[in-house]
Amino acid sequence: AADAPKINALRWLGSHNSYRPDLDP
């Protein structure tokens, strides 16, 4: 259990200002 990988070894790809809708023309 001590050797099990922790979440700080993960990698996340995220979105910035995730709430802003798509900009149609």
mmCIF file of all heavy atoms, coordinates in Angstrom:
data_MODEL
# 
_entry.id   MODEL 
# 
loop_
_atom_site.group_PDB 
_atom_site.id 
_atom_site.type_symbol 
_atom_site.label_atom_id 
_atom_site.label_alt_id 
_atom_site.label_comp_id 
_atom_site.label_asym_id 
_atom_site.label_entity_id 
_atom_site.label_seq_id 
_atom_site.pdbx_PDB_ins_code 
_atom_site.Cartn_x 
_atom_site.Cartn_y 
_atom_site.Cartn_z 
_atom_site.occupancy 
_atom_site.B_iso_or_equiv 
_atom_site.pdbx_formal_charge 
_atom_site.auth_seq_id 
_atom_site.auth_comp_id 
_atom_site.auth_asym_id 
_atom_site.auth_atom_id 
_atom_site.pdbx_PDB_model_num 
ATOM 1   N N   . ALA A 1 1  ? 0.834   -1.210 0.000   1.00 0.00 ? 1  ALA A N   1 
ATOM 2   C CA  . ALA A 1 1  ? 0.000   0.000  0.000   1.00 0.00 ? 1  ALA A CA  1 
ATOM 3   C C   . ALA A 1 1  ? 0.860   1.247  0.000   1.00 0.00 ? 1  ALA A C   1 
ATOM 4   O O   . ALA A 1 1  ? 0.543   2.242  -0.662  1.00 0.00 ? 1  ALA A O   1 
ATOM 5   C CB  . ALA A 1 1  ? -0.927  -0.013 1.216   1.00 0.00 ? 1  ALA A CB  1 
ATOM 6   N N   . ALA A 1 2  ? 1.971   1.204  0.758   1.00 0.00 ? 2  ALA A N   1 
ATOM 7   C CA  . ALA A 1 2  ? 2.852   2.371  0.821   1.00 0.00 ? 2  ALA A CA  1 
ATOM 8   C C   . ALA A 1 2  ? 3.505   2.642  -0.523  1.00 0.00 ? 2  ALA A C   1 
ATOM 9   O O   . ALA A 1 2  ? 3.804   3.792  -0.856  1.00 0.00 ? 2  ALA A O   1 
ATOM 10  C CB  . ALA A 1 2  ? 3.912   2.150  1.894   1.00 0.00 ? 2  ALA A CB  1 
ATOM 11  N N   . ASP A 1 3  ? 3.742   1.591  -1.287  1.00 0.00 ? 3  ASP A N   1 
ATOM 12  C CA  . ASP A 1 3  ? 4.388   1.732  -2.589  1.00 0.00 ? 3  ASP A CA  1 
ATOM 13  C C   . ASP A 1 3  ? 3.393   2.031  -3.715  1.00 0.00 ? 3  ASP A C   1 
ATOM 14  O O   . ASP A 1 3  ? 3.805   2.305  -4.839  1.00 0.00 ? 3  ASP A O   1 
ATOM 15  C CB  . ASP A 1 3  ? 5.157   0.447  -2.935  1.00 0.00 ? 3  ASP A CB  1 
ATOM 16  C CG  . ASP A 1 3  ? 6.359   0.246  -2.015  1.00 0.00 ? 3  ASP A CG  1 
ATOM 17  O OD1 . ASP A 1 3  ? 6.820   1.246  -1.444  1.00 0.00 ? 3  ASP A OD1 1 
ATOM 18  O OD2 . ASP A 1 3  ? 6.806   -0.906 -1.866  1.00 0.00 ? 3  ASP A OD2 1 
ATOM 19  N N   . ALA A 1 4  ? 2.097   1.941  -3.428  1.00 0.00 ? 4  ALA A N   1 
ATOM 20  C CA  . ALA A 1 4  ? 1.095   2.173  -4.463  1.00 0.00 ? 4  ALA A CA  1 
ATOM 21  C C   . ALA A 1 4  ? 1.190   3.610  -4.961  1.00 0.00 ? 4  ALA A C   1 
ATOM 22  O O   . ALA A 1 4  ? 1.369   4.535  -4.161  1.00 0.00 ? 4  ALA A O   1 
ATOM 23  C CB  . ALA A 1 4  ? -0.300  1.897  -3.904  1.00 0.00 ? 4  ALA A CB  1 
ATOM 24  N N   . PRO A 1 5  ? 1.098   3.824  -6.262  1.00 0.00 ? 5  PRO A N   1 
ATOM 25  C CA  . PRO A 1 5  ? 1.226   5.188  -6.795  1.00 0.00 ? 5  PRO A CA  1 
ATOM 26  C C   . PRO A 1 5  ? 0.125   6.106  -6.270  1.00 0.00 ? 5  PRO A C   1 
ATOM 27  O O   . PRO A 1 5  ? -1.042  5.721  -6.214  1.00 0.00 ? 5  PRO A O   1 
ATOM 28  C CB  . PRO A 1 5  ? 1.124   4.987  -8.306  1.00 0.00 ? 5  PRO A CB  1 
ATOM 29  C CG  . PRO A 1 5  ? 0.446   3.661  -8.487  1.00 0.00 ? 5  PRO A CG  1 
ATOM 30  C CD  . PRO A 1 5  ? 0.854   2.830  -7.317  1.00 0.00 ? 5  PRO A CD  1 
ATOM 31  N N   . LYS A 1 6  ? 0.525   7.322  -5.902  1.00 0.00 ? 6  LYS A N   1 
ATOM 32  C CA  . LYS A 1 6  ? -0.408  8.310  -5.369  1.00 0.00 ? 6  LYS A CA  1 
ATOM 33  C C   . LYS A 1 6  ? -0.895  9.229  -6.485  1.00 0.00 ? 6  LYS A C   1 
ATOM 34  O O   . LYS A 1 6  ? -0.339  9.261  -7.584  1.00 0.00 ? 6  LYS A O   1 
ATOM 35  C CB  . LYS A 1 6  ? 0.292   9.135  -4.277  1.00 0.00 ? 6  LYS A CB  1 
ATOM 36  C CG  . LYS A 1 6  ? 0.871   8.303  -3.129  1.00 0.00 ? 6  LYS A CG  1 
ATOM 37  C CD  . LYS A 1 6  ? -0.216  7.634  -2.322  1.00 0.00 ? 6  LYS A CD  1 
ATOM 38  C CE  . LYS A 1 6  ? 0.327   6.860  -1.126  1.00 0.00 ? 6  LYS A CE  1 
ATOM 39  N NZ  . LYS A 1 6  ? 0.850   7.735  -0.077  1.00 0.00 ? 6  LYS A NZ  1 
ATOM 40  N N   . ILE A 1 7  ? -1.911  10.017 -6.180  1.00 0.00 ? 7  ILE A N   1 
ATOM 41  C CA  . ILE A 1 7  ? -2.496  10.844 -7.240  1.00 0.00 ? 7  ILE A CA  1 
ATOM 42  C C   . ILE A 1 7  ? -1.564  11.968 -7.688  1.00 0.00 ? 7  ILE A C   1 
ATOM 43  O O   . ILE A 1 7  ? -1.728  12.491 -8.797  1.00 0.00 ? 7  ILE A O   1 
ATOM 44  C CB  . ILE A 1 7  ? -3.867  11.431 -6.830  1.00 0.00 ? 7  ILE A CB  1 
ATOM 45  C CG1 . ILE A 1 7  ? -3.728  12.372 -5.629  1.00 0.00 ? 7  ILE A CG1 1 
ATOM 46  C CG2 . ILE A 1 7  ? -4.864  10.330 -6.561  1.00 0.00 ? 7  ILE A CG2 1 
ATOM 47  C CD1 . ILE A 1 7  ? -4.983  13.198 -5.364  1.00 0.00 ? 7  ILE A CD1 1 
ATOM 48  N N   . ASN A 1 8  ? -0.590  12.326 -6.872  1.00 0.00 ? 8  ASN A N   1 
ATOM 49  C CA  . ASN A 1 8  ? 0.330   13.373 -7.328  1.00 0.00 ? 8  ASN A CA  1 
ATOM 50  C C   . ASN A 1 8  ? 1.308   12.870 -8.381  1.00 0.00 ? 8  ASN A C   1 
ATOM 51  O O   . ASN A 1 8  ? 2.117   13.640 -8.901  1.00 0.00 ? 8  ASN A O   1 
ATOM 52  C CB  . ASN A 1 8  ? 1.084   14.001 -6.149  1.00 0.00 ? 8  ASN A CB  1 
ATOM 53  C CG  . ASN A 1 8  ? 1.891   13.002 -5.352  1.00 0.00 ? 8  ASN A CG  1 
ATOM 54  O OD1 . ASN A 1 8  ? 1.394   11.921 -5.016  1.00 0.00 ? 8  ASN A OD1 1 
ATOM 55  N ND2 . ASN A 1 8  ? 3.127   13.346 -5.042  1.00 0.00 ? 8  ASN A ND2 1 
ATOM 56  N N   . ALA A 1 9  ? 1.197   11.580 -8.733  1.00 0.00 ? 9  ALA A N   1 
ATOM 57  C CA  . ALA A 1 9  ? 1.956   11.040 -9.863  1.00 0.00 ? 9  ALA A CA  1 
ATOM 58  C C   . ALA A 1 9  ? 1.114   10.999 -11.142 1.00 0.00 ? 9  ALA A C   1 
ATOM 59  O O   . ALA A 1 9  ? 1.619   10.629 -12.202 1.00 0.00 ? 9  ALA A O   1 
ATOM 60  C CB  . ALA A 1 9  ? 2.462   9.630  -9.536  1.00 0.00 ? 9  ALA A CB  1 
ATOM 61  N N   . LEU A 1 10 ? -0.145  11.395 -11.042 1.00 0.00 ? 10 LEU A N   1 
ATOM 62  C CA  . LEU A 1 10 ? -1.016  11.424 -12.213 1.00 0.00 ? 10 LEU A CA  1 
ATOM 63  C C   . LEU A 1 10 ? -0.753  12.672 -13.044 1.00 0.00 ? 10 LEU A C   1 
ATOM 64  O O   . LEU A 1 10 ? -0.112  13.615 -12.605 1.00 0.00 ? 10 LEU A O   1 
ATOM 65  C CB  . LEU A 1 10 ? -2.488  11.405 -11.786 1.00 0.00 ? 10 LEU A CB  1 
ATOM 66  C CG  . LEU A 1 10 ? -3.039  10.092 -11.228 1.00 0.00 ? 10 LEU A CG  1 
ATOM 67  C CD1 . LEU A 1 10 ? -4.428  10.324 -10.637 1.00 0.00 ? 10 LEU A CD1 1 
ATOM 68  C CD2 . LEU A 1 10 ? -3.088  9.015  -12.313 1.00 0.00 ? 10 LEU A CD2 1 
ATOM 69  N N   . ARG A 1 11 ? -1.317  12.675 -14.261 1.00 0.00 ? 11 ARG A N   1 
ATOM 70  C CA  . ARG A 1 11 ? -1.274  13.849 -15.122 1.00 0.00 ? 11 ARG A CA  1 
ATOM 71  C C   . ARG A 1 11 ? -2.699  14.129 -15.592 1.00 0.00 ? 11 ARG A C   1 
ATOM 72  O O   . ARG A 1 11 ? -3.419  13.222 -16.002 1.00 0.00 ? 11 ARG A O   1 
ATOM 73  C CB  . ARG A 1 11 ? -0.361  13.633 -16.327 1.00 0.00 ? 11 ARG A CB  1 
ATOM 74  C CG  . ARG A 1 11 ? 1.110   13.411 -15.968 1.00 0.00 ? 11 ARG A CG  1 
ATOM 75  C CD  . ARG A 1 11 ? 1.724   14.665 -15.379 1.00 0.00 ? 11 ARG A CD  1 
ATOM 76  N NE  . ARG A 1 11 ? 3.129   14.492 -15.021 1.00 0.00 ? 11 ARG A NE  1 
ATOM 77  C CZ  . ARG A 1 11 ? 3.560   14.119 -13.828 1.00 0.00 ? 11 ARG A CZ  1 
ATOM 78  N NH1 . ARG A 1 11 ? 2.684   13.862 -12.858 1.00 0.00 ? 11 ARG A NH1 1 
ATOM 79  N NH2 . ARG A 1 11 ? 4.846   14.000 -13.586 1.00 0.00 ? 11 ARG A NH2 1 
ATOM 80  N N   . TRP A 1 12 ? -3.096  15.410 -15.506 1.00 0.00 ? 12 TRP A N   1 
ATOM 81  C CA  . TRP A 1 12 ? -4.434  15.822 -15.927 1.00 0.00 ? 12 TRP A CA  1 
ATOM 82  C C   . TRP A 1 12 ? -4.312  16.839 -17.059 1.00 0.00 ? 12 TRP A C   1 
ATOM 83  O O   . TRP A 1 12 ? -3.514  17.789 -16.965 1.00 0.00 ? 12 TRP A O   1 
ATOM 84  C CB  . TRP A 1 12 ? -5.169  16.510 -14.790 1.00 0.00 ? 12 TRP A CB  1 
ATOM 85  C CG  . TRP A 1 12 ? -5.626  15.682 -13.639 1.00 0.00 ? 12 TRP A CG  1 
ATOM 86  C CD1 . TRP A 1 12 ? -6.854  15.124 -13.469 1.00 0.00 ? 12 TRP A CD1 1 
ATOM 87  C CD2 . TRP A 1 12 ? -4.899  15.373 -12.429 1.00 0.00 ? 12 TRP A CD2 1 
ATOM 88  N NE1 . TRP A 1 12 ? -6.934  14.489 -12.248 1.00 0.00 ? 12 TRP A NE1 1 
ATOM 89  C CE2 . TRP A 1 12 ? -5.740  14.621 -11.599 1.00 0.00 ? 12 TRP A CE2 1 
ATOM 90  C CE3 . TRP A 1 12 ? -3.596  15.660 -11.984 1.00 0.00 ? 12 TRP A CE3 1 
ATOM 91  C CZ2 . TRP A 1 12 ? -5.349  14.148 -10.351 1.00 0.00 ? 12 TRP A CZ2 1 
ATOM 92  C CZ3 . TRP A 1 12 ? -3.190  15.185 -10.740 1.00 0.00 ? 12 TRP A CZ3 1 
ATOM 93  C CH2 . TRP A 1 12 ? -4.055  14.442 -9.946  1.00 0.00 ? 12 TRP A CH2 1 
ATOM 94  N N   . LEU A 1 13 ? -5.116  16.692 -18.095 1.00 0.00 ? 13 LEU A N   1 
ATOM 95  C CA  . LEU A 1 13 ? -5.288  17.745 -19.090 1.00 0.00 ? 13 LEU A CA  1 
ATOM 96  C C   . LEU A 1 13 ? -6.615  18.426 -18.782 1.00 0.00 ? 13 LEU A C   1 
ATOM 97  O O   . LEU A 1 13 ? -7.644  17.758 -18.639 1.00 0.00 ? 13 LEU A O   1 
ATOM 98  C CB  . LEU A 1 13 ? -5.298  17.194 -20.510 1.00 0.00 ? 13 LEU A CB  1 
ATOM 99  C CG  . LEU A 1 13 ? -5.393  18.257 -21.621 1.00 0.00 ? 13 LEU A CG  1 
ATOM 100 C CD1 . LEU A 1 13 ? -4.168  19.170 -21.609 1.00 0.00 ? 13 LEU A CD1 1 
ATOM 101 C CD2 . LEU A 1 13 ? -5.541  17.600 -22.992 1.00 0.00 ? 13 LEU A CD2 1 
ATOM 102 N N   . GLY A 1 14 ? -6.580  19.744 -18.649 1.00 0.00 ? 14 GLY A N   1 
ATOM 103 C CA  . GLY A 1 14 ? -7.769  20.456 -18.229 1.00 0.00 ? 14 GLY A CA  1 
ATOM 104 C C   . GLY A 1 14 ? -8.196  21.536 -19.198 1.00 0.00 ? 14 GLY A C   1 
ATOM 105 O O   . GLY A 1 14 ? -7.451  21.917 -20.110 1.00 0.00 ? 14 GLY A O   1 
ATOM 106 N N   . SER A 1 15 ? -9.398  22.033 -18.996 1.00 0.00 ? 15 SER A N   1 
ATOM 107 C CA  . SER A 1 15 ? -9.907  23.159 -19.777 1.00 0.00 ? 15 SER A CA  1 
ATOM 108 C C   . SER A 1 15 ? -9.894  24.416 -18.914 1.00 0.00 ? 15 SER A C   1 
ATOM 109 O O   . SER A 1 15 ? -10.165 24.367 -17.723 1.00 0.00 ? 15 SER A O   1 
ATOM 110 C CB  . SER A 1 15 ? -11.318 22.881 -20.299 1.00 0.00 ? 15 SER A CB  1 
ATOM 111 O OG  . SER A 1 15 ? -12.221 22.619 -19.240 1.00 0.00 ? 15 SER A OG  1 
ATOM 112 N N   . HIS A 1 16 ? -9.553  25.523 -19.527 1.00 0.00 ? 16 HIS A N   1 
ATOM 113 C CA  . HIS A 1 16 ? -9.506  26.825 -18.861 1.00 0.00 ? 16 HIS A CA  1 
ATOM 114 C C   . HIS A 1 16 ? -10.867 27.499 -19.028 1.00 0.00 ? 16 HIS A C   1 
ATOM 115 O O   . HIS A 1 16 ? -11.454 27.475 -20.110 1.00 0.00 ? 16 HIS A O   1 
ATOM 116 C CB  . HIS A 1 16 ? -8.389  27.664 -19.493 1.00 0.00 ? 16 HIS A CB  1 
ATOM 117 C CG  . HIS A 1 16 ? -8.477  29.126 -19.223 1.00 0.00 ? 16 HIS A CG  1 
ATOM 118 N ND1 . HIS A 1 16 ? -8.774  30.038 -20.207 1.00 0.00 ? 16 HIS A ND1 1 
ATOM 119 C CD2 . HIS A 1 16 ? -8.326  29.837 -18.080 1.00 0.00 ? 16 HIS A CD2 1 
ATOM 120 C CE1 . HIS A 1 16 ? -8.788  31.251 -19.699 1.00 0.00 ? 16 HIS A CE1 1 
ATOM 121 N NE2 . HIS A 1 16 ? -8.521  31.163 -18.411 1.00 0.00 ? 16 HIS A NE2 1 
ATOM 122 N N   . ASN A 1 17 ? -11.397 28.077 -17.968 1.00 0.00 ? 17 ASN A N   1 
ATOM 123 C CA  . ASN A 1 17 ? -12.728 28.701 -18.020 1.00 0.00 ? 17 ASN A CA  1 
ATOM 124 C C   . ASN A 1 17 ? -13.731 27.751 -18.676 1.00 0.00 ? 17 ASN A C   1 
ATOM 125 O O   . ASN A 1 17 ? -14.374 28.072 -19.683 1.00 0.00 ? 17 ASN A O   1 
ATOM 126 C CB  . ASN A 1 17 ? -12.678 30.042 -18.748 1.00 0.00 ? 17 ASN A CB  1 
ATOM 127 C CG  . ASN A 1 17 ? -12.011 31.121 -17.937 1.00 0.00 ? 17 ASN A CG  1 
ATOM 128 O OD1 . ASN A 1 17 ? -11.766 30.954 -16.735 1.00 0.00 ? 17 ASN A OD1 1 
ATOM 129 N ND2 . ASN A 1 17 ? -11.673 32.230 -18.565 1.00 0.00 ? 17 ASN A ND2 1 
ATOM 130 N N   . SER A 1 18 ? -13.872 26.605 -18.067 1.00 0.00 ? 18 SER A N   1 
ATOM 131 C CA  . SER A 1 18 ? -14.622 25.490 -18.656 1.00 0.00 ? 18 SER A CA  1 
ATOM 132 C C   . SER A 1 18 ? -16.083 25.799 -18.919 1.00 0.00 ? 18 SER A C   1 
ATOM 133 O O   . SER A 1 18 ? -16.756 25.088 -19.673 1.00 0.00 ? 18 SER A O   1 
ATOM 134 C CB  . SER A 1 18 ? -14.539 24.287 -17.713 1.00 0.00 ? 18 SER A CB  1 
ATOM 135 O OG  . SER A 1 18 ? -13.218 24.042 -17.305 1.00 0.00 ? 18 SER A OG  1 
ATOM 136 N N   . TYR A 1 19 ? -16.611 26.848 -18.295 1.00 0.00 ? 19 TYR A N   1 
ATOM 137 C CA  . TYR A 1 19 ? -18.026 27.201 -18.400 1.00 0.00 ? 19 TYR A CA  1 
ATOM 138 C C   . TYR A 1 19 ? -18.338 28.089 -19.609 1.00 0.00 ? 19 TYR A C   1 
ATOM 139 O O   . TYR A 1 19 ? -19.509 28.339 -19.915 1.00 0.00 ? 19 TYR A O   1 
ATOM 140 C CB  . TYR A 1 19 ? -18.453 27.953 -17.135 1.00 0.00 ? 19 TYR A CB  1 
ATOM 141 C CG  . TYR A 1 19 ? -17.612 29.191 -16.934 1.00 0.00 ? 19 TYR A CG  1 
ATOM 142 C CD1 . TYR A 1 19 ? -17.977 30.413 -17.490 1.00 0.00 ? 19 TYR A CD1 1 
ATOM 143 C CD2 . TYR A 1 19 ? -16.404 29.132 -16.239 1.00 0.00 ? 19 TYR A CD2 1 
ATOM 144 C CE1 . TYR A 1 19 ? -17.174 31.535 -17.355 1.00 0.00 ? 19 TYR A CE1 1 
ATOM 145 C CE2 . TYR A 1 19 ? -15.608 30.248 -16.097 1.00 0.00 ? 19 TYR A CE2 1 
ATOM 146 C CZ  . TYR A 1 19 ? -15.987 31.437 -16.658 1.00 0.00 ? 19 TYR A CZ  1 
ATOM 147 O OH  . TYR A 1 19 ? -15.180 32.539 -16.550 1.00 0.00 ? 19 TYR A OH  1 
ATOM 148 N N   . ARG A 1 20 ? -17.311 28.611 -20.312 1.00 0.00 ? 20 ARG A N   1 
ATOM 149 C CA  . ARG A 1 20 ? -17.575 29.533 -21.429 1.00 0.00 ? 20 ARG A CA  1 
ATOM 150 C C   . ARG A 1 20 ? -18.034 28.743 -22.650 1.00 0.00 ? 20 ARG A C   1 
ATOM 151 O O   . ARG A 1 20 ? -17.325 27.875 -23.141 1.00 0.00 ? 20 ARG A O   1 
ATOM 152 C CB  . ARG A 1 20 ? -16.330 30.352 -21.792 1.00 0.00 ? 20 ARG A CB  1 
ATOM 153 C CG  . ARG A 1 20 ? -15.922 31.338 -20.731 1.00 0.00 ? 20 ARG A CG  1 
ATOM 154 C CD  . ARG A 1 20 ? -14.906 32.350 -21.260 1.00 0.00 ? 20 ARG A CD  1 
ATOM 155 N NE  . ARG A 1 20 ? -15.555 33.455 -21.950 1.00 0.00 ? 20 ARG A NE  1 
ATOM 156 C CZ  . ARG A 1 20 ? -15.335 33.810 -23.211 1.00 0.00 ? 20 ARG A CZ  1 
ATOM 157 N NH1 . ARG A 1 20 ? -14.519 33.107 -23.959 1.00 0.00 ? 20 ARG A NH1 1 
ATOM 158 N NH2 . ARG A 1 20 ? -15.939 34.850 -23.736 1.00 0.00 ? 20 ARG A NH2 1 
ATOM 159 N N   . PRO A 1 21 ? -19.204 29.053 -23.202 1.00 0.00 ? 21 PRO A N   1 
ATOM 160 C CA  . PRO A 1 21 ? -19.744 28.265 -24.310 1.00 0.00 ? 21 PRO A CA  1 
ATOM 161 C C   . PRO A 1 21 ? -18.965 28.482 -25.608 1.00 0.00 ? 21 PRO A C   1 
ATOM 162 O O   . PRO A 1 21 ? -18.232 29.467 -25.775 1.00 0.00 ? 21 PRO A O   1 
ATOM 163 C CB  . PRO A 1 21 ? -21.177 28.800 -24.457 1.00 0.00 ? 21 PRO A CB  1 
ATOM 164 C CG  . PRO A 1 21 ? -21.445 29.593 -23.234 1.00 0.00 ? 21 PRO A CG  1 
ATOM 165 C CD  . PRO A 1 21 ? -20.124 30.098 -22.753 1.00 0.00 ? 21 PRO A CD  1 
ATOM 166 N N   . ASP A 1 22 ? -19.162 27.541 -26.505 1.00 0.00 ? 22 ASP A N   1 
ATOM 167 C CA  . ASP A 1 22 ? -18.601 27.656 -27.849 1.00 0.00 ? 22 ASP A CA  1 
ATOM 168 C C   . ASP A 1 22 ? -19.070 28.964 -28.486 1.00 0.00 ? 22 ASP A C   1 
ATOM 169 O O   . ASP A 1 22 ? -20.202 29.407 -28.290 1.00 0.00 ? 22 ASP A O   1 
ATOM 170 C CB  . ASP A 1 22 ? -19.073 26.462 -28.692 1.00 0.00 ? 22 ASP A CB  1 
ATOM 171 C CG  . ASP A 1 22 ? -18.434 26.415 -30.058 1.00 0.00 ? 22 ASP A CG  1 
ATOM 172 O OD1 . ASP A 1 22 ? -17.503 27.201 -30.322 1.00 0.00 ? 22 ASP A OD1 1 
ATOM 173 O OD2 . ASP A 1 22 ? -18.869 25.579 -30.871 1.00 0.00 ? 22 ASP A OD2 1 
ATOM 174 N N   . LEU A 1 23 ? -18.172 29.594 -29.244 1.00 0.00 ? 23 LEU A N   1 
ATOM 175 C CA  . LEU A 1 23 ? -18.497 30.851 -29.923 1.00 0.00 ? 23 LEU A CA  1 
ATOM 176 C C   . LEU A 1 23 ? -18.875 30.556 -31.371 1.00 0.00 ? 23 LEU A C   1 
ATOM 177 O O   . LEU A 1 23 ? -18.005 30.352 -32.222 1.00 0.00 ? 23 LEU A O   1 
ATOM 178 C CB  . LEU A 1 23 ? -17.295 31.801 -29.879 1.00 0.00 ? 23 LEU A CB  1 
ATOM 179 C CG  . LEU A 1 23 ? -17.034 32.530 -28.560 1.00 0.00 ? 23 LEU A CG  1 
ATOM 180 C CD1 . LEU A 1 23 ? -15.676 33.210 -28.600 1.00 0.00 ? 23 LEU A CD1 1 
ATOM 181 C CD2 . LEU A 1 23 ? -18.120 33.547 -28.279 1.00 0.00 ? 23 LEU A CD2 1 
ATOM 182 N N   . ASP A 1 24 ? -20.174 30.518 -31.640 1.00 0.00 ? 24 ASP A N   1 
ATOM 183 C CA  . ASP A 1 24 ? -20.594 30.400 -33.040 1.00 0.00 ? 24 ASP A CA  1 
ATOM 184 C C   . ASP A 1 24 ? -20.415 31.769 -33.702 1.00 0.00 ? 24 ASP A C   1 
ATOM 185 O O   . ASP A 1 24 ? -20.130 32.768 -33.025 1.00 0.00 ? 24 ASP A O   1 
ATOM 186 C CB  . ASP A 1 24 ? -22.036 29.902 -33.141 1.00 0.00 ? 24 ASP A CB  1 
ATOM 187 C CG  . ASP A 1 24 ? -23.034 30.791 -32.417 1.00 0.00 ? 24 ASP A CG  1 
ATOM 188 O OD1 . ASP A 1 24 ? -22.834 32.031 -32.391 1.00 0.00 ? 24 ASP A OD1 1 
ATOM 189 O OD2 . ASP A 1 24 ? -24.006 30.269 -31.868 1.00 0.00 ? 24 ASP A OD2 1 
ATOM 190 N N   . PRO A 1 25 ? -20.531 31.861 -35.028 1.00 0.00 ? 25 PRO A N   1 
ATOM 191 C CA  . PRO A 1 25 ? -20.273 33.139 -35.699 1.00 0.00 ? 25 PRO A CA  1 
ATOM 192 C C   . PRO A 1 25 ? -21.076 34.309 -35.142 1.00 0.00 ? 25 PRO A C   1 
ATOM 193 O O   . PRO A 1 25 ? -20.548 35.418 -34.978 1.00 0.00 ? 25 PRO A O   1 
ATOM 194 C CB  . PRO A 1 25 ? -20.634 32.844 -37.155 1.00 0.00 ? 25 PRO A CB  1 
ATOM 195 C CG  . PRO A 1 25 ? -20.349 31.386 -37.320 1.00 0.00 ? 25 PRO A CG  1 
ATOM 196 C CD  . PRO A 1 25 ? -20.749 30.763 -36.003 1.00 0.00 ? 25 PRO A CD  1 
# 
